[in-house]
Amino acid sequence: MAEHPSTQLLPGWVETIRSYAAEAEKLGKLHPEQLELIYQQQWFNLLTPAVYGGLQTPLPQLVATEEALSWADGSLGWVVTLCCGAGWFGGFLQPEVAKRVYADTEACIAGSGAATGTAAITGDGYIIDGSWKYASGVHHATYITVNCLITNGREPVLDDDGAQLILPFILNRADVNLLPGWKYMGMAATGSDAYEVNNLYVDKSRCFKINAAAAVIDSLLYTYPFLQLAEATLAANLSGMAVHFIDLCAPAFAYKATNIRRVNEANVALMESDLVTATALLNQTRQAFFAAVNASWQQPTDPDLLKQVSHTSRMLAKTARECVDKLYPYCGLLAASPDTEINRVWRDLHTASQHALLTFGN
């Protein structure tokens, strides 16, 4: 059986993360005390190459850590996942650029995968224009990445398949204008606001490619397929939030059973039975997911094992949502009150699970 996420974190870390979670939600970004813990533990650098001072964490340990952080708090876990995921780009950045990026002990990279900008070839660089809707952790970022459609003058530059070429760039935070844009019911503390860039010249060294052939660090971590890495890390976040919700169900059920006369012994037995069933189902799905990730890490070129990572990631996301929704009605108005922990977890899960990467398929 998959271990409970709490085994990955020290109790003091969990206390710090959770004690500031409600205030972080009001701030619309992580609380300074939460950030201090992140910097101390180098969680933004979980995927940063070791040569630049990062932890270069193997994927199986990474997803276990990220699940645990999302169990502690959904918004914090999500910001760490997205920002350390951008830190993974250190395996593809030109070394002289990467050294500058990671020279800061509080380095944090945020960005968007949407190709909603343009980069016009100009001399030895590019002129970048565009706007991007969401970037989790952008308020804590020291650098920001953008995906751009490449043009030469007014003409699109085509890739090998005949489509317009899309390339990512890494920009100084000071060159990017942040815009308020996150207005959704959950993940409020992720600070996933919008940003824009206007007529910005950048040297060609700020451009990089994300594929195994373009990796500049010789490590499995940077040749492992990006799709499965992204699917697995996002699924781990949803799993952590679902475990957190289930942990909160027992006290919520007890509160309801002792305060509402209509909850008779038969109702209590049904609630407890469904809690046991949901817990077992989620743990079974978590176990299959972790097994798939571990197997693919051992044989990363096996297409069937990679497909299994995609499959179990989607199944974990689906199971997390369905288990929580099965138990939510039993939690009473406590779970519908926006100032309670259980409601924040519910809102965070149902907001994060809207991510398109894990919405479709099984």
Protein backbone atom coordinates (compact mmCIF):
# COMPACT_ATOMS: atom_id res chain seq x y z
CA MET A 1 0.00 0.00 0.00
CA ALA A 2 1.21 3.53 -0.77
CA GLU A 3 2.49 5.34 2.30
CA HIS A 4 0.60 8.31 3.69
CA PRO A 5 2.09 11.58 2.34
CA SER A 6 2.90 12.72 5.88
CA THR A 7 5.85 10.30 5.93
CA GLN A 8 7.69 12.60 3.50
CA LEU A 9 7.62 15.74 5.66
CA LEU A 10 8.73 16.71 9.15
CA PRO A 11 5.79 17.66 11.43
CA GLY A 12 7.25 21.13 11.95
CA TRP A 13 7.22 21.76 8.21
CA VAL A 14 3.56 20.77 7.99
CA GLU A 15 2.71 23.04 10.93
CA THR A 16 4.42 26.01 9.27
CA ILE A 17 2.75 25.38 5.91
CA ARG A 18 -0.75 24.93 7.33
CA SER A 19 -0.66 27.62 9.98
CA TYR A 20 -0.14 30.28 7.30
CA ALA A 21 -2.36 28.75 4.58
CA ALA A 22 -5.47 30.84 5.32
CA GLU A 23 -3.45 34.06 5.45
CA ALA A 24 -1.68 33.15 2.21
CA GLU A 25 -5.08 32.75 0.56
CA LYS A 26 -5.99 36.28 1.61
CA LEU A 27 -2.64 37.59 0.33
CA GLY A 28 -3.15 35.90 -3.03
CA LYS A 29 0.35 34.45 -2.84
CA LEU A 30 2.46 32.31 -0.52
CA HIS A 31 3.11 33.71 2.94
CA PRO A 32 6.67 34.87 3.73
CA GLU A 33 7.00 32.18 6.42
CA GLN A 34 6.02 29.51 3.89
CA LEU A 35 8.50 30.93 1.39
CA GLU A 36 11.27 30.89 3.97
CA LEU A 37 10.69 27.18 4.50
CA ILE A 38 10.73 26.59 0.73
CA TYR A 39 14.06 28.39 0.41
CA GLN A 40 15.53 26.51 3.38
CA GLN A 41 14.57 23.14 1.93
CA GLN A 42 15.35 24.19 -1.69
CA TRP A 43 11.97 22.97 -2.90
CA PHE A 44 12.01 25.40 -5.84
CA ASN A 45 15.25 23.64 -6.86
CA LEU A 46 13.99 20.06 -6.72
CA LEU A 47 14.59 19.66 -10.46
CA THR A 48 17.43 22.14 -10.91
CA PRO A 49 20.70 20.54 -12.12
CA ALA A 50 23.14 19.71 -9.34
CA VAL A 51 25.94 21.52 -11.17
CA TYR A 52 24.06 24.77 -10.48
CA GLY A 53 23.38 23.91 -6.84
CA GLY A 54 20.05 22.18 -7.38
CA LEU A 55 18.78 18.91 -5.94
CA GLN A 56 18.28 17.13 -9.32
CA THR A 57 15.69 14.87 -7.70
CA PRO A 58 14.85 11.52 -9.38
CA LEU A 59 11.26 11.39 -10.58
CA PRO A 60 9.96 8.76 -8.09
CA GLN A 61 11.16 10.83 -5.13
CA LEU A 62 9.96 14.03 -6.78
CA VAL A 63 6.33 12.90 -7.11
CA ALA A 64 6.32 11.60 -3.53
CA THR A 65 7.59 14.96 -2.27
CA GLU A 66 5.15 16.96 -4.37
CA GLU A 67 2.21 14.82 -3.26
CA ALA A 68 3.23 15.43 0.34
CA LEU A 69 3.53 19.19 -0.12
CA SER A 70 0.08 19.31 -1.73
CA TRP A 71 -1.24 17.23 1.15
CA ALA A 72 0.15 19.86 3.51
CA ASP A 73 -1.44 22.63 1.42
CA GLY A 74 -2.71 22.56 -2.14
CA SER A 75 -1.58 26.03 -3.15
CA LEU A 76 1.93 25.63 -1.76
CA GLY A 77 2.33 22.22 -3.35
CA TRP A 78 1.13 23.53 -6.70
CA VAL A 79 3.50 26.53 -6.67
CA VAL A 80 6.45 24.33 -5.76
CA THR A 81 5.51 21.85 -8.49
CA LEU A 82 5.10 24.45 -11.24
CA CYS A 83 8.14 26.50 -10.25
CA CYS A 84 10.50 23.58 -9.71
CA GLY A 85 9.11 22.21 -12.97
CA ALA A 86 10.31 25.38 -14.64
CA GLY A 87 13.60 24.85 -12.81
CA TRP A 88 13.87 21.61 -14.78
CA PHE A 89 14.57 23.85 -17.79
CA GLY A 90 18.02 24.32 -16.28
CA GLY A 91 18.88 21.07 -18.02
CA PHE A 92 18.35 22.81 -21.36
CA LEU A 93 19.50 26.40 -20.77
CA GLN A 94 22.85 27.54 -22.11
CA PRO A 95 25.28 27.13 -19.17
CA GLU A 96 26.29 30.80 -19.00
CA VAL A 97 22.62 31.78 -18.72
CA ALA A 98 21.83 29.03 -16.21
CA LYS A 99 24.71 30.07 -13.96
CA ARG A 100 23.29 33.60 -13.74
CA VAL A 101 19.78 32.32 -13.09
CA TYR A 102 20.77 30.01 -10.26
CA ALA A 103 23.37 32.27 -8.67
CA ASP A 104 20.51 33.62 -6.53
CA THR A 105 19.87 31.31 -3.56
CA GLU A 106 16.19 32.28 -3.81
CA ALA A 107 15.97 31.61 -7.54
CA CYS A 108 12.46 30.81 -8.71
CA ILE A 109 11.25 30.40 -12.28
CA ALA A 110 7.60 30.78 -13.24
CA GLY A 111 5.97 30.72 -16.63
CA SER A 112 3.25 29.58 -19.00
CA GLY A 113 3.22 26.86 -21.62
CA ALA A 114 0.77 28.76 -23.81
CA ALA A 115 2.25 30.05 -27.08
CA THR A 116 0.55 33.44 -26.87
CA GLY A 117 3.58 35.58 -27.68
CA THR A 118 5.73 36.27 -30.73
CA ALA A 119 9.50 36.41 -31.07
CA ALA A 120 10.73 38.21 -34.18
CA ILE A 121 14.28 37.39 -35.27
CA THR A 122 16.37 40.55 -35.01
CA GLY A 123 20.15 40.46 -35.46
CA ASP A 124 21.61 38.18 -32.78
CA GLY A 125 18.39 38.03 -30.84
CA TYR A 126 14.65 38.43 -30.84
CA ILE A 127 12.01 41.07 -30.18
CA ILE A 128 9.36 39.59 -27.91
CA ASP A 129 5.75 40.72 -27.57
CA GLY A 130 2.81 38.97 -26.01
CA SER A 131 0.64 38.26 -23.00
CA TRP A 132 0.11 35.08 -21.02
CA LYS A 133 -2.89 34.29 -18.82
CA TYR A 134 -1.61 32.21 -15.92
CA ALA A 135 1.73 31.65 -14.20
CA SER A 136 1.62 29.99 -10.79
CA GLY A 137 4.12 31.49 -8.35
CA VAL A 138 4.84 34.45 -10.59
CA HIS A 139 4.92 36.84 -7.61
CA HIS A 140 7.90 34.94 -6.21
CA ALA A 141 9.72 34.54 -9.53
CA THR A 142 13.20 35.85 -10.26
CA TYR A 143 12.89 34.72 -13.90
CA ILE A 144 9.89 34.07 -16.11
CA THR A 145 9.59 31.82 -19.15
CA VAL A 146 7.48 32.52 -22.23
CA ASN A 147 6.50 30.41 -25.23
CA CYS A 148 6.58 32.33 -28.50
CA LEU A 149 5.69 31.87 -32.15
CA ILE A 150 8.86 32.60 -34.14
CA THR A 151 8.75 35.05 -37.03
CA ASN A 152 11.26 36.46 -39.48
CA GLY A 153 9.93 39.88 -40.25
CA ARG A 154 6.23 39.26 -40.84
CA GLU A 155 6.76 35.73 -42.08
CA PRO A 156 6.28 32.76 -39.75
CA VAL A 157 9.27 30.46 -39.30
CA LEU A 158 8.20 26.84 -39.78
CA ASP A 159 9.33 23.76 -37.91
CA ASP A 160 10.19 20.38 -39.46
CA ASP A 161 6.50 19.45 -39.61
CA GLY A 162 5.50 22.60 -41.46
CA ALA A 163 3.81 24.26 -38.48
CA GLN A 164 4.91 27.62 -37.11
CA LEU A 165 7.94 27.16 -34.88
CA ILE A 166 7.34 27.66 -31.14
CA LEU A 167 10.29 28.21 -28.80
CA PRO A 168 10.60 29.07 -25.11
CA PHE A 169 12.64 31.97 -23.70
CA ILE A 170 13.76 32.83 -20.19
CA LEU A 171 13.38 36.48 -19.19
CA ASN A 172 14.41 38.62 -16.26
CA ARG A 173 11.47 39.25 -13.95
CA ALA A 174 12.15 43.01 -14.18
CA ASP A 175 11.40 42.92 -17.92
CA VAL A 176 7.92 41.45 -17.44
CA ASN A 177 4.77 43.33 -16.46
CA LEU A 178 2.46 41.42 -14.09
CA LEU A 179 -1.30 41.75 -14.51
CA PRO A 180 -4.10 40.72 -12.12
CA GLY A 181 -5.79 37.71 -13.62
CA TRP A 182 -6.49 34.96 -11.07
CA LYS A 183 -10.17 35.19 -10.02
CA TYR A 184 -11.12 31.58 -9.41
CA MET A 185 -12.61 29.91 -6.35
CA GLY A 186 -9.53 27.89 -5.40
CA MET A 187 -5.74 27.88 -5.47
CA ALA A 188 -5.93 31.53 -4.42
CA ALA A 189 -2.53 31.47 -2.74
CA THR A 190 -0.78 30.34 -5.93
CA GLY A 191 -0.81 33.92 -7.22
CA SER A 192 -1.36 32.55 -10.72
CA ASP A 193 -1.66 35.96 -12.33
CA ALA A 194 -1.17 37.05 -15.92
CA TYR A 195 1.79 38.88 -17.43
CA GLU A 196 2.85 40.68 -20.58
CA VAL A 197 5.98 41.67 -22.48
CA ASN A 198 6.16 44.59 -24.91
CA ASN A 199 8.84 45.12 -27.54
CA LEU A 200 11.56 43.44 -25.49
CA TYR A 201 14.88 42.60 -27.12
CA VAL A 202 16.61 39.48 -25.80
CA ASP A 203 19.82 37.82 -26.88
CA LYS A 204 19.50 34.48 -28.67
CA SER A 205 21.12 32.81 -25.65
CA ARG A 206 17.82 33.30 -23.79
CA CYS A 207 16.15 30.86 -26.18
CA PHE A 208 16.22 27.12 -25.51
CA LYS A 209 14.63 23.88 -26.71
CA ILE A 210 12.91 21.21 -24.63
CA ASN A 211 13.72 17.78 -25.96
CA ALA A 212 16.15 15.05 -25.03
CA ALA A 213 18.50 15.88 -27.89
CA ALA A 214 18.79 19.48 -26.68
CA ALA A 215 19.68 18.63 -23.05
CA VAL A 216 22.98 20.14 -21.92
CA ILE A 217 23.10 18.15 -18.67
CA ASP A 218 23.91 14.45 -19.02
CA SER A 219 21.28 12.94 -16.75
CA LEU A 220 18.20 10.75 -17.10
CA LEU A 221 16.19 13.50 -15.45
CA TYR A 222 16.57 15.74 -18.52
CA THR A 223 16.03 13.04 -21.14
CA TYR A 224 12.93 11.59 -19.47
CA PRO A 225 9.89 12.63 -21.60
CA PHE A 226 8.44 15.98 -20.58
CA LEU A 227 4.83 14.87 -21.13
CA GLN A 228 4.95 12.06 -18.59
CA LEU A 229 6.94 14.19 -16.15
CA ALA A 230 4.25 16.87 -16.32
CA GLU A 231 1.36 14.41 -16.07
CA ALA A 232 2.87 12.63 -13.09
CA THR A 233 3.71 15.76 -11.13
CA LEU A 234 0.26 17.28 -11.60
CA ALA A 235 -1.48 14.02 -10.69
CA ALA A 236 0.60 13.81 -7.51
CA ASN A 237 -0.70 17.24 -6.51
CA LEU A 238 -4.33 16.21 -6.92
CA SER A 239 -3.64 13.04 -4.97
CA GLY A 240 -2.14 14.97 -2.08
CA MET A 241 -5.14 17.28 -1.89
CA ALA A 242 -7.54 14.33 -1.96
CA VAL A 243 -5.69 12.60 0.90
CA HIS A 244 -5.86 15.85 2.87
CA PHE A 245 -9.63 16.08 2.30
CA ILE A 246 -10.15 12.46 3.35
CA ASP A 247 -8.08 13.09 6.50
CA LEU A 248 -10.48 15.91 7.39
CA CYS A 249 -13.60 13.84 6.80
CA ALA A 250 -13.52 11.89 10.08
CA PRO A 251 -13.75 15.02 12.29
CA ALA A 252 -16.30 16.53 9.88
CA PHE A 253 -18.44 13.40 10.08
CA ALA A 254 -18.20 13.39 13.88
CA TYR A 255 -19.27 17.04 14.02
CA LYS A 256 -22.26 16.34 11.80
CA ALA A 257 -23.26 13.18 13.67
CA THR A 258 -23.24 14.93 17.05
CA ASN A 259 -24.96 18.14 15.94
CA ILE A 260 -27.70 17.00 13.55
CA ARG A 261 -30.38 14.68 14.88
CA ARG A 262 -31.30 13.40 11.42
CA VAL A 263 -27.97 11.54 11.22
CA ASN A 264 -29.03 8.29 12.84
CA GLU A 265 -26.93 5.21 13.46
CA ALA A 266 -27.63 3.83 9.99
CA ASN A 267 -26.52 7.12 8.41
CA VAL A 268 -23.34 7.14 10.48
CA ALA A 269 -22.57 3.58 9.42
CA LEU A 270 -23.05 4.52 5.75
CA MET A 271 -20.77 7.52 6.09
CA GLU A 272 -18.06 5.47 7.77
CA SER A 273 -18.36 2.68 5.20
CA ASP A 274 -18.02 5.09 2.30
CA LEU A 275 -15.02 6.73 3.98
CA VAL A 276 -13.28 3.35 4.28
CA THR A 277 -14.12 2.50 0.66
CA ALA A 278 -12.93 5.85 -0.69
CA THR A 279 -9.71 5.67 1.31
CA ALA A 280 -8.96 2.17 0.03
CA LEU A 281 -9.75 3.09 -3.59
CA LEU A 282 -7.58 6.20 -3.52
CA ASN A 283 -4.68 4.29 -1.94
CA GLN A 284 -5.00 1.50 -4.48
CA THR A 285 -4.86 4.03 -7.32
CA ARG A 286 -1.94 5.84 -5.71
CA GLN A 287 -0.04 2.56 -5.43
CA ALA A 288 -0.58 1.79 -9.13
CA PHE A 289 0.53 5.30 -10.03
CA PHE A 290 3.75 5.17 -8.01
CA ALA A 291 4.53 1.71 -9.39
CA ALA A 292 4.13 3.01 -12.96
CA VAL A 293 6.37 6.00 -12.29
CA ASN A 294 9.04 3.78 -10.73
CA ALA A 295 8.93 1.30 -13.62
CA SER A 296 9.23 4.02 -16.25
CA TRP A 297 12.15 5.56 -14.39
CA GLN A 298 13.99 2.23 -14.59
CA GLN A 299 13.23 1.84 -18.33
CA PRO A 300 12.46 5.33 -19.66
CA THR A 301 12.67 4.33 -23.33
CA ASP A 302 9.93 1.69 -23.03
CA PRO A 303 6.84 3.24 -24.69
CA ASP A 304 4.44 0.89 -22.91
CA LEU A 305 5.75 1.92 -19.50
CA LEU A 306 5.45 5.59 -20.45
CA LYS A 307 1.87 5.02 -21.58
CA GLN A 308 1.20 3.46 -18.20
CA VAL A 309 2.43 6.63 -16.48
CA SER A 310 -0.02 8.65 -18.59
CA HIS A 311 -2.84 6.21 -17.85
CA THR A 312 -2.29 6.00 -14.10
CA SER A 313 -1.83 9.77 -13.84
CA ARG A 314 -5.26 10.31 -15.39
CA MET A 315 -6.81 7.57 -13.29
CA LEU A 316 -5.35 9.11 -10.14
CA ALA A 317 -6.73 12.54 -11.04
CA LYS A 318 -10.15 11.03 -11.76
CA THR A 319 -10.18 8.91 -8.61
CA ALA A 320 -9.09 11.86 -6.45
CA ARG A 321 -11.99 13.95 -7.71
CA GLU A 322 -14.56 11.16 -7.44
CA CYS A 323 -13.55 10.05 -3.94
CA VAL A 324 -13.74 13.60 -2.64
CA ASP A 325 -17.10 14.19 -4.31
CA LYS A 326 -18.46 10.96 -2.85
CA LEU A 327 -17.64 12.12 0.68
CA TYR A 328 -18.32 15.85 0.37
CA PRO A 329 -22.13 15.67 0.95
CA TYR A 330 -21.57 13.92 4.27
CA CYS A 331 -19.47 16.81 5.60
CA GLY A 332 -22.37 19.25 5.97
CA LEU A 333 -22.18 23.01 5.76
CA LEU A 334 -18.76 22.87 7.41
CA ALA A 335 -17.38 21.84 4.02
CA ALA A 336 -19.26 24.65 2.26
CA SER A 337 -17.99 27.45 4.51
CA PRO A 338 -15.12 29.31 2.77
CA ASP A 339 -13.29 29.99 6.03
CA THR A 340 -12.78 26.32 6.92
CA GLU A 341 -9.77 24.17 6.08
CA ILE A 342 -11.87 21.41 4.54
CA ASN A 343 -13.58 23.87 2.20
CA ARG A 344 -10.25 25.34 1.13
CA VAL A 345 -9.00 21.84 0.28
CA TRP A 346 -12.20 21.13 -1.68
CA ARG A 347 -11.90 24.40 -3.61
CA ASP A 348 -8.22 23.86 -4.32
CA LEU A 349 -8.76 20.32 -5.62
CA HIS A 350 -11.67 21.29 -7.86
CA THR A 351 -9.74 24.23 -9.27
CA ALA A 352 -6.45 22.41 -9.83
CA SER A 353 -8.22 19.44 -11.41
CA GLN A 354 -9.44 21.71 -14.22
CA HIS A 355 -5.92 21.63 -15.69
CA ALA A 356 -6.35 20.46 -19.28
CA LEU A 357 -3.46 17.98 -19.14
CA LEU A 358 -5.43 15.56 -16.96
CA THR A 359 -9.01 16.41 -17.96
CA PHE A 360 -9.50 13.88 -20.75
CA GLY A 361 -8.70 10.23 -21.23
CA ASN A 362 -8.25 7.43 -18.75
